[in-house]
C-alpha atoms as a PDB file:
ATOM      1  CA  MET A   1     188.605 206.559 142.911  1.00  0.00           C
ATOM      2  CA  LYS A   2     188.757 210.377 143.826  1.00  0.00           C
ATOM      3  CA  ARG A   3     188.787 211.302 140.191  1.00  0.00           C
ATOM      4  CA  VAL A   4     185.425 209.645 139.360  1.00  0.00           C
ATOM      5  CA  ILE A   5     183.890 210.666 142.387  1.00  0.00           C
ATOM      6  CA  PHE A   6     184.466 214.127 141.671  1.00  0.00           C
ATOM      7  CA  LEU A   7     183.387 213.646 137.857  1.00  0.00           C
ATOM      8  CA  PHE A   8     180.055 212.316 138.982  1.00  0.00           C
ATOM      9  CA  ALA A   9     179.416 215.014 141.925  1.00  0.00           C
ATOM     10  CA  ILE A  10     180.247 217.786 138.700  1.00  0.00           C
ATOM     11  CA  LEU A  11     177.964 215.986 136.340  1.00  0.00           C
ATOM     12  CA  SER A  12     175.441 215.956 139.056  1.00  0.00           C
ATOM     13  CA  ALA A  13     175.151 219.436 140.075  1.00  0.00           C
ATOM     14  CA  PHE A  14     174.748 220.824 136.223  1.00  0.00           C
ATOM     15  CA  THR A  15     172.041 218.355 135.480  1.00  0.00           C
ATOM     16  CA  TRP A  16     169.660 221.163 136.042  1.00  0.00           C
ATOM     17  CA  GLN A  17     171.310 223.664 133.128  1.00  0.00           C
ATOM     18  CA  VAL A  18     170.841 220.911 130.576  1.00  0.00           C
ATOM     19  CA  ASN A  19     167.984 221.031 127.557  1.00  0.00           C
ATOM     20  CA  SER A  20     165.860 217.677 127.666  1.00  0.00           C
ATOM     21  CA  GLN A  21     165.838 215.208 124.587  1.00  0.00           C
ATOM     22  CA  GLU A  22     164.204 212.866 122.554  1.00  0.00           C
ATOM     23  CA  ILE A  23     165.493 209.414 123.561  1.00  0.00           C
ATOM     24  CA  ALA A  24     164.824 206.311 121.668  1.00  0.00           C
ATOM     25  CA  GLU A  25     162.033 203.935 123.559  1.00  0.00           C
ATOM     26  CA  ASN A  26     164.198 200.951 123.022  1.00  0.00           C
ATOM     27  CA  ALA A  27     167.478 200.146 121.418  1.00  0.00           C
ATOM     28  CA  ILE A  28     169.956 196.907 120.975  1.00  0.00           C
ATOM     29  CA  GLY A  29     173.357 196.510 119.513  1.00  0.00           C
ATOM     30  CA  LEU A  30     176.920 196.081 120.270  1.00  0.00           C
ATOM     31  CA  ARG A  31     179.512 197.059 122.214  1.00  0.00           C
ATOM     32  CA  PHE A  32     182.928 196.700 121.504  1.00  0.00           C
ATOM     33  CA  GLY A  33     185.189 197.326 125.122  1.00  0.00           C
ATOM     34  CA  GLU A  34     188.908 196.448 125.895  1.00  0.00           C
ATOM     35  CA  SER A  35     188.787 196.061 129.811  1.00  0.00           C
ATOM     36  CA  ASP A  36     192.126 193.717 130.774  1.00  0.00           C
ATOM     37  CA  GLY A  37     190.812 191.947 127.386  1.00  0.00           C
ATOM     38  CA  PHE A  38     189.250 192.497 124.197  1.00  0.00           C
ATOM     39  CA  GLY A  39     185.600 191.469 124.281  1.00  0.00           C
ATOM     40  CA  PRO A  40     181.757 192.266 122.362  1.00  0.00           C
ATOM     41  CA  GLU A  41     178.787 193.026 124.671  1.00  0.00           C
ATOM     42  CA  ILE A  42     175.570 192.758 123.991  1.00  0.00           C
ATOM     43  CA  ASN A  43     173.794 195.431 124.616  1.00  0.00           C
ATOM     44  CA  TYR A  44     169.882 197.036 125.153  1.00  0.00           C
ATOM     45  CA  GLN A  45     168.642 200.455 126.668  1.00  0.00           C
ATOM     46  CA  ARG A  46     165.316 200.981 128.170  1.00  0.00           C
ATOM     47  CA  HIS A  47     164.002 204.295 128.243  1.00  0.00           C
ATOM     48  CA  LEU A  48     163.015 205.398 131.748  1.00  0.00           C
ATOM     49  CA  GLY A  49     162.064 209.239 131.538  1.00  0.00           C
ATOM     50  CA  GLU A  50     162.584 212.454 130.319  1.00  0.00           C
ATOM     51  CA  ASN A  51     166.165 212.341 129.984  1.00  0.00           C
ATOM     52  CA  ASN A  52     166.909 209.058 131.571  1.00  0.00           C
ATOM     53  CA  ARG A  53     167.204 205.242 130.710  1.00  0.00           C
ATOM     54  CA  LEU A  54     168.721 201.885 131.885  1.00  0.00           C
ATOM     55  CA  GLU A  55     171.450 200.010 129.892  1.00  0.00           C
ATOM     56  CA  LEU A  56     171.633 196.186 130.321  1.00  0.00           C
ATOM     57  CA  GLY A  57     174.891 194.589 129.064  1.00  0.00           C
ATOM     58  CA  LEU A  58     176.185 190.462 128.721  1.00  0.00           C
ATOM     59  CA  ALA A  59     179.366 191.489 127.828  1.00  0.00           C
ATOM     60  CA  PHE A  60     182.548 188.503 127.303  1.00  0.00           C
ATOM     61  CA  HIS A  61     186.041 189.783 127.494  1.00  0.00           C
ATOM     62  CA  SER A  62     188.625 187.602 127.080  1.00  0.00           C
ATOM     63  CA  ASP A  63     192.514 187.854 127.552  1.00  0.00           C
ATOM     64  CA  LYS A  64     195.906 184.956 127.039  1.00  0.00           C
ATOM     65  CA  TYR A  65     195.336 183.598 130.229  1.00  0.00           C
ATOM     66  CA  TRP A  66     191.444 183.752 131.121  1.00  0.00           C
ATOM     67  CA  ASP A  67     187.722 184.383 129.952  1.00  0.00           C
ATOM     68  CA  ALA A  68     185.161 186.103 131.416  1.00  0.00           C
ATOM     69  CA  ILE A  69     181.399 186.868 131.453  1.00  0.00           C
ATOM     70  CA  LYS A  70     179.700 189.693 133.023  1.00  0.00           C
ATOM     71  CA  LEU A  71     176.180 190.755 133.176  1.00  0.00           C
ATOM     72  CA  LEU A  72     175.824 194.675 133.995  1.00  0.00           C
ATOM     73  CA  GLY A  73     173.147 197.199 134.804  1.00  0.00           C
ATOM     74  CA  ILE A  74     173.678 200.746 134.127  1.00  0.00           C
ATOM     75  CA  TYR A  75     171.143 204.124 135.120  1.00  0.00           C
ATOM     76  CA  GLN A  76     172.370 206.948 132.645  1.00  0.00           C
ATOM     77  CA  TRP A  77     171.113 210.567 132.598  1.00  0.00           C
ATOM     78  CA  VAL A  78     171.339 211.443 128.878  1.00  0.00           C
ATOM     79  CA  TRP A  79     172.125 215.115 127.572  1.00  0.00           C
ATOM     80  CA  ASN A  80     171.760 217.155 124.633  1.00  0.00           C
ATOM     81  CA  ILE A  81     174.613 219.061 123.017  1.00  0.00           C
ATOM     82  CA  ASP A  82     173.445 219.785 119.979  1.00  0.00           C
ATOM     83  CA  GLY A  83     171.182 217.683 117.476  1.00  0.00           C
ATOM     84  CA  GLY A  84     171.408 214.404 117.652  1.00  0.00           C
ATOM     85  CA  PHE A  85     174.839 214.934 119.163  1.00  0.00           C
ATOM     86  CA  ASN A  86     174.298 213.542 123.235  1.00  0.00           C
ATOM     87  CA  TRP A  87     176.240 213.066 126.209  1.00  0.00           C
ATOM     88  CA  TYR A  88     175.412 210.548 129.144  1.00  0.00           C
ATOM     89  CA  ALA A  89     176.512 209.535 132.317  1.00  0.00           C
ATOM     90  CA  GLY A  90     175.078 207.225 135.243  1.00  0.00           C
ATOM     91  CA  PRO A  91     176.600 204.685 137.722  1.00  0.00           C
ATOM     92  CA  GLY A  92     175.926 200.712 137.718  1.00  0.00           C
ATOM     93  CA  ALA A  93     176.896 197.110 139.009  1.00  0.00           C
ATOM     94  CA  GLY A  94     176.942 193.639 137.968  1.00  0.00           C
ATOM     95  CA  VAL A  95     178.293 190.001 138.336  1.00  0.00           C
ATOM     96  CA  GLY A  96     180.532 188.408 136.668  1.00  0.00           C
ATOM     97  CA  LEU A  97     182.363 184.654 135.820  1.00  0.00           C
ATOM     98  CA  VAL A  98     186.004 184.565 135.275  1.00  0.00           C
ATOM     99  CA  ASN A  99     187.594 181.317 134.001  1.00  0.00           C
ATOM    100  CA  TYR A 100     191.851 180.972 134.204  1.00  0.00           C
ATOM    101  CA  ASP A 101     193.476 178.301 132.227  1.00  0.00           C
ATOM    102  CA  LEU A 102     197.116 178.780 133.318  1.00  0.00           C
ATOM    103  CA  LYS A 103     199.472 176.298 132.351  1.00  0.00           C
ATOM    104  CA  ASP A 104     203.073 175.676 134.222  1.00  0.00           C
ATOM    105  CA  ASP A 105     204.992 178.304 132.912  1.00  0.00           C
ATOM    106  CA  ASP A 106     202.618 180.662 133.576  1.00  0.00           C
ATOM    107  CA  TYR A 107     201.640 179.626 137.695  1.00  0.00           C
ATOM    108  CA  PRO A 108     204.363 178.383 138.504  1.00  0.00           C
ATOM    109  CA  PHE A 109     202.675 176.892 141.763  1.00  0.00           C
ATOM    110  CA  ASN A 110     200.933 174.320 139.810  1.00  0.00           C
ATOM    111  CA  ASP A 111     201.388 171.908 137.680  1.00  0.00           C
ATOM    112  CA  ARG A 112     198.252 173.460 135.910  1.00  0.00           C
ATOM    113  CA  TYR A 113     196.043 176.016 137.531  1.00  0.00           C
ATOM    114  CA  ASP A 114     192.197 175.573 136.025  1.00  0.00           C
ATOM    115  CA  ASP A 115     189.994 177.203 138.044  1.00  0.00           C
ATOM    116  CA  SER A 116     186.731 179.683 137.730  1.00  0.00           C
ATOM    117  CA  GLU A 117     185.856 182.612 139.847  1.00  0.00           C
ATOM    118  CA  ALA A 118     182.259 184.628 140.485  1.00  0.00           C
ATOM    119  CA  PHE A 119     182.936 188.393 141.278  1.00  0.00           C
ATOM    120  CA  ALA A 120     180.624 191.934 141.512  1.00  0.00           C
ATOM    121  CA  PHE A 121     181.862 195.188 140.402  1.00  0.00           C
ATOM    122  CA  ILE A 122     180.339 198.428 140.813  1.00  0.00           C
ATOM    123  CA  THR A 123     181.103 200.567 138.024  1.00  0.00           C
ATOM    124  CA  GLY A 124     180.009 204.062 135.690  1.00  0.00           C
ATOM    125  CA  ASP A 125     179.591 204.888 132.493  1.00  0.00           C
ATOM    126  CA  ILE A 126     180.354 208.358 130.888  1.00  0.00           C
ATOM    127  CA  GLY A 127     180.111 208.648 127.438  1.00  0.00           C
ATOM    128  CA  ILE A 128     178.644 210.424 123.733  1.00  0.00           C
ATOM    129  CA  GLU A 129     176.619 209.078 121.264  1.00  0.00           C
ATOM    130  CA  TYR A 130     175.096 210.525 118.225  1.00  0.00           C
ATOM    131  CA  ASN A 131     171.112 209.479 116.639  1.00  0.00           C
ATOM    132  CA  PHE A 132     171.344 209.370 113.207  1.00  0.00           C
ATOM    133  CA  ASP A 133     168.070 210.380 111.311  1.00  0.00           C
ATOM    134  CA  PHE A 134     167.789 206.704 110.915  1.00  0.00           C
ATOM    135  CA  PRO A 135     167.246 203.917 113.637  1.00  0.00           C
ATOM    136  CA  LEU A 136     171.123 204.060 114.507  1.00  0.00           C
ATOM    137  CA  ILE A 137     172.576 205.102 117.358  1.00  0.00           C
ATOM    138  CA  ILE A 138     177.008 205.177 117.804  1.00  0.00           C
ATOM    139  CA  SER A 139     178.700 205.865 120.901  1.00  0.00           C
ATOM    140  CA  LEU A 140     182.163 205.956 122.498  1.00  0.00           C
ATOM    141  CA  ASP A 141     181.695 205.727 126.575  1.00  0.00           C
ATOM    142  CA  LEU A 142     184.387 205.153 129.510  1.00  0.00           C
ATOM    143  CA  ARG A 143     183.296 202.804 132.488  1.00  0.00           C
ATOM    144  CA  PRO A 144     185.472 203.054 135.343  1.00  0.00           C
ATOM    145  CA  GLN A 145     185.039 199.535 137.467  1.00  0.00           C
ATOM    146  CA  ILE A 146     185.510 198.585 140.695  1.00  0.00           C
ATOM    147  CA  ASN A 147     186.078 194.528 141.011  1.00  0.00           C
ATOM    148  CA  LEU A 148     184.757 192.826 144.271  1.00  0.00           C
ATOM    149  CA  GLY A 149     186.218 189.737 144.657  1.00  0.00           C
ATOM    150  CA  TYR A 150     187.908 189.269 141.637  1.00  0.00           C
ATOM    151  CA  ARG A 151     191.622 190.826 142.090  1.00  0.00           C
ATOM    152  CA  ASP A 152     189.696 193.718 144.012  1.00  0.00           C
ATOM    153  CA  ASP A 153     191.026 196.798 141.844  1.00  0.00           C
ATOM    154  CA  LEU A 154     189.815 199.545 139.431  1.00  0.00           C
ATOM    155  CA  SER A 155     190.100 198.958 135.851  1.00  0.00           C
ATOM    156  CA  TYR A 156     188.854 200.945 133.189  1.00  0.00           C
ATOM    157  CA  ASP A 157     186.577 199.637 129.788  1.00  0.00           C
ATOM    158  CA  VAL A 158     186.682 202.044 126.777  1.00  0.00           C
ATOM    159  CA  GLY A 159     183.510 200.742 124.676  1.00  0.00           C
ATOM    160  CA  LEU A 160     182.690 201.896 120.796  1.00  0.00           C
ATOM    161  CA  GLY A 161     179.016 200.628 120.221  1.00  0.00           C
ATOM    162  CA  ALA A 162     176.357 200.575 117.538  1.00  0.00           C
ATOM    163  CA  ARG A 163     172.653 200.281 118.308  1.00  0.00           C
ATOM    164  CA  TYR A 164     169.480 200.074 116.671  1.00  0.00           C
ATOM    165  CA  GLN A 165     166.508 202.048 117.697  1.00  0.00           C
ATOM    166  CA  PHE A 166     163.267 200.797 118.038  1.00  0.00           C
END
């Protein structure tokens, strides 16, 4: 956790040195991530200012013993590296619902454990993206996530995204 906070502090300290670029007014697409289970995320980005945007996502994750759905929002700063190549970072938060489906062999205290649990989380995002000359953005990012109420731990979500900009 200290590393994540340190990384965001360094990013914030160097923002004044970075050139701004054009950010699409809107972008919608899919992000495929892996955080304790592979799953897609329906993703929307909205331009807010010269070099920042809001990203909203509805993610579905699945594993052998559970399924989860998450709704999240992330505020991002975007910096241009060269041409259409950018990097971005920012803080966020969200809520989710996890549904467990464990059989007797998996959960030895009950004959069957079938339950749902709501949770909240705090997240961050750091990644790179490429804006093509046609309306497509591809991205690769890392999202550390602190879960509150669901396992109370830190997890990492690595994702690959493709969005249509308009």
